[in-house]
Amino acid sequence: MASEKIYMPDYDETALEFVRRVVREQPDREPLHILELLTEIVFDELRDQPYDISAEASALRTTLKVRHHGRPIDERTVRIMLKFTDRVDYMQDGDAWVLTIRRDIPPLIATRR
């Protein structure tokens, strides 16, 4: 099993800066850039609602978790996120909402000629 690293934002980091840092630190960044775009969309919709964000990353996948209060994210936005990632969960947890976005790293495939 690949070891996972847990990331937390720095004190003065915005959500987008945090996600960019997480992506930048991964060895296979290319499939993860979609997470930066989705973060922009999510936080444009959340505007100034209070939130907590964290990430877990391994050689196999990167997962973002956003817990926020206030009104929920539009369900159409969640469906769009699902089309561009490998898994999206969005559920209410008490008076908060929790969004989990997972992007898998596709394995390298070698073929014989």
Protein backbone atom coordinates (compact mmCIF):
# COMPACT_ATOMS: atom_id res chain seq x y z
CA MET A 1 0.00 0.00 0.00
CA ALA A 2 1.30 3.43 -0.92
CA SER A 3 1.95 5.72 2.01
CA GLU A 4 -0.31 8.74 2.25
CA LYS A 5 0.69 12.20 3.28
CA ILE A 6 -1.85 14.48 4.95
CA TYR A 7 -1.76 18.16 4.03
CA MET A 8 -3.23 21.08 5.93
CA PRO A 9 -3.25 24.67 4.69
CA ASP A 10 -0.74 27.15 6.03
CA TYR A 11 -2.19 29.91 8.19
CA ASP A 12 -2.32 32.53 5.42
CA GLU A 13 -2.97 30.21 2.45
CA THR A 14 -6.18 30.49 0.42
CA ALA A 15 -7.92 27.28 -0.64
CA LEU A 16 -6.60 27.63 -4.19
CA GLU A 17 -3.03 28.31 -3.03
CA PHE A 18 -3.29 25.25 -0.80
CA VAL A 19 -4.48 22.97 -3.61
CA ARG A 20 -1.80 24.30 -5.97
CA ARG A 21 0.86 23.52 -3.34
CA VAL A 22 -0.47 19.99 -2.84
CA VAL A 23 -0.52 19.35 -6.60
CA ARG A 24 2.95 20.85 -7.05
CA GLU A 25 4.40 18.46 -4.45
CA GLN A 26 3.13 15.32 -6.21
CA PRO A 27 5.47 13.41 -8.53
CA ASP A 28 2.75 12.90 -11.19
CA ARG A 29 1.08 16.32 -11.33
CA GLU A 30 -0.58 16.26 -14.74
CA PRO A 31 -3.74 14.30 -13.81
CA LEU A 32 -4.17 16.45 -10.70
CA HIS A 33 -4.44 19.88 -12.32
CA ILE A 34 -8.19 19.37 -12.62
CA LEU A 35 -8.34 19.70 -8.83
CA GLU A 36 -7.11 23.29 -9.12
CA LEU A 37 -9.89 24.16 -11.56
CA LEU A 38 -12.54 22.46 -9.45
CA THR A 39 -11.32 24.31 -6.36
CA GLU A 40 -11.81 27.61 -8.17
CA ILE A 41 -15.37 26.61 -9.07
CA VAL A 42 -16.25 25.37 -5.59
CA PHE A 43 -14.90 28.40 -3.77
CA ASP A 44 -16.48 30.80 -6.23
CA GLU A 45 -19.78 29.20 -5.28
CA LEU A 46 -19.05 29.13 -1.54
CA ARG A 47 -17.84 32.74 -1.59
CA ASP A 48 -17.14 33.82 2.00
CA GLN A 49 -18.71 30.87 3.81
CA PRO A 50 -16.53 29.42 6.58
CA TYR A 51 -14.68 26.24 5.60
CA ASP A 52 -11.94 23.80 6.48
CA ILE A 53 -9.88 22.13 3.75
CA SER A 54 -7.41 19.26 3.85
CA ALA A 55 -5.84 16.80 1.44
CA GLU A 56 -4.39 13.31 1.45
CA ALA A 57 -1.99 12.27 -1.28
CA SER A 58 -0.17 9.12 -2.28
CA ALA A 59 1.37 7.77 -5.46
CA LEU A 60 -2.07 6.34 -6.31
CA ARG A 61 -4.46 9.23 -5.64
CA THR A 62 -5.07 12.65 -4.17
CA THR A 63 -8.17 13.41 -2.15
CA LEU A 64 -9.43 16.85 -1.18
CA LYS A 65 -11.90 17.32 1.65
CA VAL A 66 -13.81 20.56 2.18
CA ARG A 67 -16.10 21.00 5.15
CA HIS A 68 -18.22 24.13 5.03
CA HIS A 69 -21.19 25.78 6.65
CA GLY A 70 -23.94 27.78 5.04
CA ARG A 71 -25.85 26.93 1.92
CA PRO A 72 -24.94 23.79 0.00
CA ILE A 73 -23.10 23.70 -3.31
CA ASP A 74 -25.43 23.44 -6.31
CA GLU A 75 -26.00 19.79 -7.20
CA ARG A 76 -25.21 20.52 -10.87
CA THR A 77 -21.73 21.65 -9.82
CA VAL A 78 -21.25 18.39 -7.92
CA ARG A 79 -22.33 16.36 -10.99
CA ILE A 80 -19.85 18.26 -13.18
CA MET A 81 -17.06 17.53 -10.69
CA LEU A 82 -17.88 13.83 -10.91
CA LYS A 83 -17.36 13.88 -14.68
CA PHE A 84 -13.77 15.08 -14.31
CA THR A 85 -12.62 13.12 -11.26
CA ASP A 86 -12.75 9.56 -10.01
CA ARG A 87 -15.04 10.02 -7.02
CA VAL A 88 -17.07 12.82 -5.47
CA ASP A 89 -19.05 12.57 -2.26
CA TYR A 90 -21.11 15.45 -0.93
CA MET A 91 -23.21 15.05 2.17
CA GLN A 92 -24.60 16.93 5.09
CA ASP A 93 -22.92 16.35 8.45
CA GLY A 94 -24.93 18.03 11.19
CA ASP A 95 -25.03 21.74 10.36
CA ALA A 96 -22.12 21.45 7.90
CA TRP A 97 -21.57 20.03 4.43
CA VAL A 98 -18.63 17.80 3.51
CA LEU A 99 -17.29 17.60 -0.05
CA THR A 100 -14.74 14.92 -0.89
CA ILE A 101 -13.07 14.89 -4.32
CA ARG A 102 -10.72 12.07 -5.29
CA ARG A 103 -8.47 11.98 -8.34
CA ASP A 104 -6.65 8.72 -9.07
CA ILE A 105 -3.28 8.61 -10.75
CA PRO A 106 -3.53 6.35 -13.77
CA PRO A 107 -0.89 3.63 -13.84
CA LEU A 108 1.76 3.70 -16.51
CA ILE A 109 1.00 1.02 -19.05
CA ALA A 110 3.86 -0.59 -20.93
CA THR A 111 3.11 -2.49 -24.11
CA ARG A 112 5.22 -4.87 -26.13
CA ARG A 113 5.80 -4.28 -29.78
